[in-house]
C-alpha atoms as a PDB file:
ATOM      1  CA  MET A   1       0.000   0.000   0.000  1.00  0.00           C
ATOM      2  CA  ILE A   2       2.864   2.381   0.786  1.00  0.00           C
ATOM      3  CA  ILE A   3       4.305   1.796  -2.704  1.00  0.00           C
ATOM      4  CA  LEU A   4       0.960   2.843  -4.224  1.00  0.00           C
ATOM      5  CA  TYR A   5       0.981   6.095  -2.224  1.00  0.00           C
ATOM      6  CA  VAL A   6       4.586   6.804  -3.251  1.00  0.00           C
ATOM      7  CA  ILE A   7       3.738   6.245  -6.930  1.00  0.00           C
ATOM      8  CA  LEU A   8       0.623   8.435  -6.690  1.00  0.00           C
ATOM      9  CA  GLY A   9       2.648  11.127  -4.907  1.00  0.00           C
ATOM     10  CA  LEU A  10       5.319  11.097  -7.616  1.00  0.00           C
ATOM     11  CA  LEU A  11       2.670  11.234 -10.328  1.00  0.00           C
ATOM     12  CA  ALA A  12       1.007  14.201  -8.615  1.00  0.00           C
ATOM     13  CA  ALA A  13       4.380  15.965  -8.321  1.00  0.00           C
ATOM     14  CA  VAL A  14       5.066  15.472 -12.047  1.00  0.00           C
ATOM     15  CA  ILE A  15       1.625  16.825 -12.965  1.00  0.00           C
ATOM     16  CA  ILE A  16       2.082  19.874 -10.727  1.00  0.00           C
ATOM     17  CA  LEU A  17       5.556  20.467 -12.195  1.00  0.00           C
ATOM     18  CA  ALA A  18       4.177  20.264 -15.742  1.00  0.00           C
ATOM     19  CA  PHE A  19       1.603  22.959 -15.050  1.00  0.00           C
ATOM     20  CA  ALA A  20       4.131  25.139 -13.171  1.00  0.00           C
ATOM     21  CA  LEU A  21       6.654  25.239 -16.042  1.00  0.00           C
ATOM     22  CA  PRO A  22       6.714  28.305 -18.307  1.00  0.00           C
ATOM     23  CA  GLY A  23       4.314  28.411 -21.250  1.00  0.00           C
ATOM     24  CA  LYS A  24       6.852  30.050 -23.558  1.00  0.00           C
ATOM     25  CA  TYR A  25      10.431  29.433 -24.599  1.00  0.00           C
ATOM     26  CA  LEU A  26      13.217  31.626 -25.949  1.00  0.00           C
ATOM     27  CA  VAL A  27      16.525  30.463 -27.397  1.00  0.00           C
ATOM     28  CA  SER A  28      19.130  32.982 -28.512  1.00  0.00           C
ATOM     29  CA  LYS A  29      22.678  32.409 -29.762  1.00  0.00           C
ATOM     30  CA  SER A  30      25.262  34.702 -31.327  1.00  0.00           C
ATOM     31  CA  ILE A  31      28.545  34.494 -33.207  1.00  0.00           C
ATOM     32  CA  ILE A  32      31.190  36.910 -34.479  1.00  0.00           C
ATOM     33  CA  ILE A  33      31.906  36.541 -38.199  1.00  0.00           C
ATOM     34  CA  ASN A  34      34.877  38.040 -40.057  1.00  0.00           C
ATOM     35  CA  SER A  35      33.013  39.148 -43.154  1.00  0.00           C
ATOM     36  CA  ASP A  36      31.020  41.876 -44.806  1.00  0.00           C
ATOM     37  CA  ILE A  37      27.651  42.477 -43.121  1.00  0.00           C
ATOM     38  CA  SER A  38      25.777  42.162 -46.433  1.00  0.00           C
ATOM     39  CA  LYS A  39      27.180  38.662 -46.979  1.00  0.00           C
ATOM     40  CA  CYS A  40      25.979  37.574 -43.522  1.00  0.00           C
ATOM     41  CA  TYR A  41      22.577  39.200 -44.045  1.00  0.00           C
ATOM     42  CA  ASP A  42      22.152  37.582 -47.477  1.00  0.00           C
ATOM     43  CA  MET A  43      22.887  34.138 -46.017  1.00  0.00           C
ATOM     44  CA  VAL A  44      19.682  34.469 -43.953  1.00  0.00           C
ATOM     45  CA  ALA A  45      17.458  36.867 -45.919  1.00  0.00           C
ATOM     46  CA  ASP A  46      17.810  34.910 -49.184  1.00  0.00           C
ATOM     47  CA  LEU A  47      16.170  31.605 -48.327  1.00  0.00           C
ATOM     48  CA  ASN A  48      17.840  30.016 -51.361  1.00  0.00           C
ATOM     49  CA  ASN A  49      20.921  29.827 -49.079  1.00  0.00           C
ATOM     50  CA  TYR A  50      19.013  28.042 -46.293  1.00  0.00           C
ATOM     51  CA  ARG A  51      19.958  24.510 -47.432  1.00  0.00           C
ATOM     52  CA  ASP A  52      23.674  25.431 -47.340  1.00  0.00           C
ATOM     53  CA  TRP A  53      23.848  26.249 -43.631  1.00  0.00           C
ATOM     54  CA  ASN A  54      20.666  25.239 -41.792  1.00  0.00           C
ATOM     55  CA  PRO A  55      21.148  22.182 -39.546  1.00  0.00           C
ATOM     56  CA  TRP A  56      17.672  20.781 -40.258  1.00  0.00           C
ATOM     57  CA  ALA A  57      18.095  21.100 -44.040  1.00  0.00           C
ATOM     58  CA  LYS A  58      21.471  19.349 -43.686  1.00  0.00           C
ATOM     59  CA  MET A  59      19.865  16.627 -41.554  1.00  0.00           C
ATOM     60  CA  GLU A  60      17.664  15.533 -44.460  1.00  0.00           C
ATOM     61  CA  PRO A  61      19.119  16.845 -47.734  1.00  0.00           C
ATOM     62  CA  ASP A  62      16.676  14.758 -49.803  1.00  0.00           C
ATOM     63  CA  ALA A  63      13.571  16.314 -48.231  1.00  0.00           C
ATOM     64  CA  LYS A  64      11.285  18.098 -50.682  1.00  0.00           C
ATOM     65  CA  LYS A  65      11.977  21.850 -50.590  1.00  0.00           C
ATOM     66  CA  THR A  66      10.059  24.713 -52.184  1.00  0.00           C
ATOM     67  CA  ILE A  67      11.279  28.312 -52.284  1.00  0.00           C
ATOM     68  CA  SER A  68       8.964  31.094 -53.425  1.00  0.00           C
ATOM     69  CA  GLY A  69       8.774  34.880 -53.464  1.00  0.00           C
ATOM     70  CA  THR A  70      11.460  37.470 -53.962  1.00  0.00           C
ATOM     71  CA  PRO A  71      14.598  36.928 -51.852  1.00  0.00           C
ATOM     72  CA  LYS A  72      15.183  39.394 -49.023  1.00  0.00           C
ATOM     73  CA  THR A  73      11.581  40.672 -49.086  1.00  0.00           C
ATOM     74  CA  VAL A  74       8.457  40.141 -47.011  1.00  0.00           C
ATOM     75  CA  GLY A  75       6.657  37.009 -48.207  1.00  0.00           C
ATOM     76  CA  HIS A  76       9.787  35.147 -49.343  1.00  0.00           C
ATOM     77  CA  GLN A  77       9.182  31.562 -48.234  1.00  0.00           C
ATOM     78  CA  TYR A  78      10.978  28.243 -47.746  1.00  0.00           C
ATOM     79  CA  SER A  79       8.874  25.103 -47.244  1.00  0.00           C
ATOM     80  CA  TRP A  80       9.971  21.545 -46.535  1.00  0.00           C
ATOM     81  CA  ASP A  81       8.468  18.075 -46.443  1.00  0.00           C
ATOM     82  CA  GLY A  82      10.614  15.264 -45.107  1.00  0.00           C
ATOM     83  CA  LYS A  83      10.507  12.033 -43.149  1.00  0.00           C
ATOM     84  CA  LYS A  84      12.991  13.179 -40.475  1.00  0.00           C
ATOM     85  CA  ILE A  85      12.326  16.927 -40.409  1.00  0.00           C
ATOM     86  CA  GLY A  86       8.554  16.803 -40.873  1.00  0.00           C
ATOM     87  CA  VAL A  87       6.483  19.338 -42.796  1.00  0.00           C
ATOM     88  CA  GLY A  88       6.602  23.090 -42.331  1.00  0.00           C
ATOM     89  CA  GLY A  89       7.517  26.475 -43.677  1.00  0.00           C
ATOM     90  CA  LEU A  90       9.438  29.635 -42.962  1.00  0.00           C
ATOM     91  CA  THR A  91       8.201  33.031 -44.212  1.00  0.00           C
ATOM     92  CA  ILE A  92       9.895  36.428 -43.979  1.00  0.00           C
ATOM     93  CA  ILE A  93       7.510  38.806 -42.211  1.00  0.00           C
ATOM     94  CA  ASP A  94       9.841  41.805 -41.787  1.00  0.00           C
ATOM     95  CA  VAL A  95      13.285  42.868 -42.997  1.00  0.00           C
ATOM     96  CA  ALA A  96      15.649  45.777 -42.490  1.00  0.00           C
ATOM     97  CA  GLU A  97      18.534  45.488 -44.948  1.00  0.00           C
ATOM     98  CA  ASN A  98      21.778  44.467 -43.239  1.00  0.00           C
ATOM     99  CA  LYS A  99      20.127  44.899 -39.821  1.00  0.00           C
ATOM    100  CA  SER A 100      17.417  42.276 -39.180  1.00  0.00           C
ATOM    101  CA  VAL A 101      15.248  39.507 -40.573  1.00  0.00           C
ATOM    102  CA  ASP A 102      12.063  38.354 -38.830  1.00  0.00           C
ATOM    103  CA  LEU A 103      10.437  35.110 -39.889  1.00  0.00           C
ATOM    104  CA  GLU A 104       7.352  33.136 -38.996  1.00  0.00           C
ATOM    105  CA  LEU A 105       8.137  29.452 -38.563  1.00  0.00           C
ATOM    106  CA  VAL A 106       5.197  27.071 -38.972  1.00  0.00           C
ATOM    107  CA  PHE A 107       5.340  23.342 -38.279  1.00  0.00           C
ATOM    108  CA  ILE A 108       2.548  21.164 -39.655  1.00  0.00           C
ATOM    109  CA  LYS A 109       3.920  17.655 -38.991  1.00  0.00           C
ATOM    110  CA  PRO A 110       4.762  15.892 -36.741  1.00  0.00           C
ATOM    111  CA  PHE A 111       2.874  18.495 -34.669  1.00  0.00           C
ATOM    112  CA  ASN A 112       1.293  21.896 -35.270  1.00  0.00           C
ATOM    113  CA  SER A 113       3.102  24.888 -33.858  1.00  0.00           C
ATOM    114  CA  VAL A 114       4.115  28.423 -34.735  1.00  0.00           C
ATOM    115  CA  ALA A 115       7.299  30.179 -33.643  1.00  0.00           C
ATOM    116  CA  SER A 116       9.201  33.385 -34.340  1.00  0.00           C
ATOM    117  CA  ASP A 117      12.692  33.276 -35.811  1.00  0.00           C
ATOM    118  CA  ASN A 118      14.551  36.574 -35.436  1.00  0.00           C
ATOM    119  CA  TRP A 119      17.967  37.591 -36.733  1.00  0.00           C
ATOM    120  CA  LEU A 120      20.017  40.672 -35.880  1.00  0.00           C
ATOM    121  CA  PHE A 121      23.191  41.800 -37.650  1.00  0.00           C
ATOM    122  CA  GLU A 122      25.544  44.301 -36.008  1.00  0.00           C
ATOM    123  CA  GLN A 123      28.581  45.753 -37.754  1.00  0.00           C
ATOM    124  CA  LEU A 124      31.610  45.695 -35.464  1.00  0.00           C
ATOM    125  CA  GLU A 125      35.121  47.035 -35.966  1.00  0.00           C
ATOM    126  CA  ASN A 126      37.669  45.352 -38.265  1.00  0.00           C
ATOM    127  CA  ASN A 127      35.063  44.043 -40.730  1.00  0.00           C
ATOM    128  CA  GLN A 128      33.451  41.831 -38.108  1.00  0.00           C
ATOM    129  CA  VAL A 129      29.733  41.189 -37.785  1.00  0.00           C
ATOM    130  CA  LYS A 130      27.845  40.025 -34.717  1.00  0.00           C
ATOM    131  CA  VAL A 131      24.994  37.737 -35.791  1.00  0.00           C
ATOM    132  CA  ILE A 132      22.258  36.917 -33.273  1.00  0.00           C
ATOM    133  CA  TRP A 133      19.714  34.149 -33.964  1.00  0.00           C
ATOM    134  CA  SER A 134      16.682  33.940 -31.662  1.00  0.00           C
ATOM    135  CA  ASN A 135      13.645  31.696 -31.667  1.00  0.00           C
ATOM    136  CA  SER A 136      10.608  31.941 -29.429  1.00  0.00           C
ATOM    137  CA  GLY A 137       7.185  30.390 -29.168  1.00  0.00           C
ATOM    138  CA  ASP A 138       4.522  28.879 -27.001  1.00  0.00           C
ATOM    139  CA  LEU A 139       4.815  25.488 -25.361  1.00  0.00           C
ATOM    140  CA  PRO A 140       1.722  23.281 -25.243  1.00  0.00           C
ATOM    141  CA  ALA A 141      -0.219  23.191 -21.989  1.00  0.00           C
ATOM    142  CA  GLY A 142      -0.159  20.291 -19.595  1.00  0.00           C
ATOM    143  CA  MET A 143       2.201  17.343 -19.557  1.00  0.00           C
ATOM    144  CA  ALA A 144       3.757  18.291 -22.926  1.00  0.00           C
ATOM    145  CA  ARG A 145       5.446  21.238 -21.164  1.00  0.00           C
ATOM    146  CA  LEU A 146       7.802  18.767 -19.565  1.00  0.00           C
ATOM    147  CA  MET A 147       9.477  18.627 -22.985  1.00  0.00           C
ATOM    148  CA  GLY A 148      10.325  22.368 -22.861  1.00  0.00           C
ATOM    149  CA  PRO A 149      13.812  21.944 -21.358  1.00  0.00           C
ATOM    150  CA  MET A 150      14.638  19.228 -23.905  1.00  0.00           C
ATOM    151  CA  ILE A 151      13.394  21.430 -26.773  1.00  0.00           C
ATOM    152  CA  THR A 152      15.554  24.378 -25.697  1.00  0.00           C
ATOM    153  CA  LYS A 153      18.599  22.136 -25.183  1.00  0.00           C
ATOM    154  CA  ASN A 154      18.240  20.735 -28.718  1.00  0.00           C
ATOM    155  CA  LEU A 155      17.628  24.193 -30.216  1.00  0.00           C
ATOM    156  CA  ASN A 156      20.745  25.572 -28.506  1.00  0.00           C
ATOM    157  CA  LYS A 157      22.859  22.829 -30.073  1.00  0.00           C
ATOM    158  CA  GLN A 158      21.313  23.257 -33.528  1.00  0.00           C
ATOM    159  CA  PHE A 159      21.631  27.058 -33.410  1.00  0.00           C
ATOM    160  CA  GLU A 160      25.334  26.694 -32.612  1.00  0.00           C
ATOM    161  CA  GLN A 161      25.735  24.366 -35.614  1.00  0.00           C
ATOM    162  CA  GLY A 162      23.816  26.726 -37.913  1.00  0.00           C
ATOM    163  CA  LEU A 163      25.761  29.806 -36.847  1.00  0.00           C
ATOM    164  CA  LYS A 164      29.042  27.937 -37.250  1.00  0.00           C
ATOM    165  CA  SER A 165      28.018  26.943 -40.800  1.00  0.00           C
ATOM    166  CA  ILE A 166      27.109  30.549 -41.662  1.00  0.00           C
ATOM    167  CA  LYS A 167      30.471  31.685 -40.293  1.00  0.00           C
ATOM    168  CA  GLU A 168      32.340  29.131 -42.416  1.00  0.00           C
ATOM    169  CA  LEU A 169      30.430  30.111 -45.572  1.00  0.00           C
ATOM    170  CA  CYS A 170      30.816  33.861 -45.030  1.00  0.00           C
ATOM    171  CA  GLU A 171      34.514  33.688 -44.172  1.00  0.00           C
ATOM    172  CA  LYS A 172      35.428  31.753 -47.352  1.00  0.00           C
END
């Protein structure tokens, strides 16, 4: 009987924890790149370059990809459909040349969600550029919130990979 109470107590604690966790997440990473700011900006604002540096595109290079709209403008879009990376799309919703790119990130499969992808570009001395990549969104309510820490841990790792790839491409 004591074992049953212990199990029920642990289950109750997990449920309480799930509802106490934050309902939103934010991941932000930055890197210093030795390159022209326009080259760094173009790597992100022209979604034709996405497959060359993005960790998810590299994860499944054979996934179906569709790029539409005018590069570096509002409405420019990159969509994907893959077995590993699921189905979704990325659309530019705001741009400031050589300063920022804001995108809406929509996942359709394996689950529905919407997030914001934001990029900032800051010209530093000696032809260096600070690039900041941020992503934020809502976490589902209830027990699914327990996955929040795992999601942010994975995003941190993938952002580091993506920024490193952009650095390598821009410094060539």
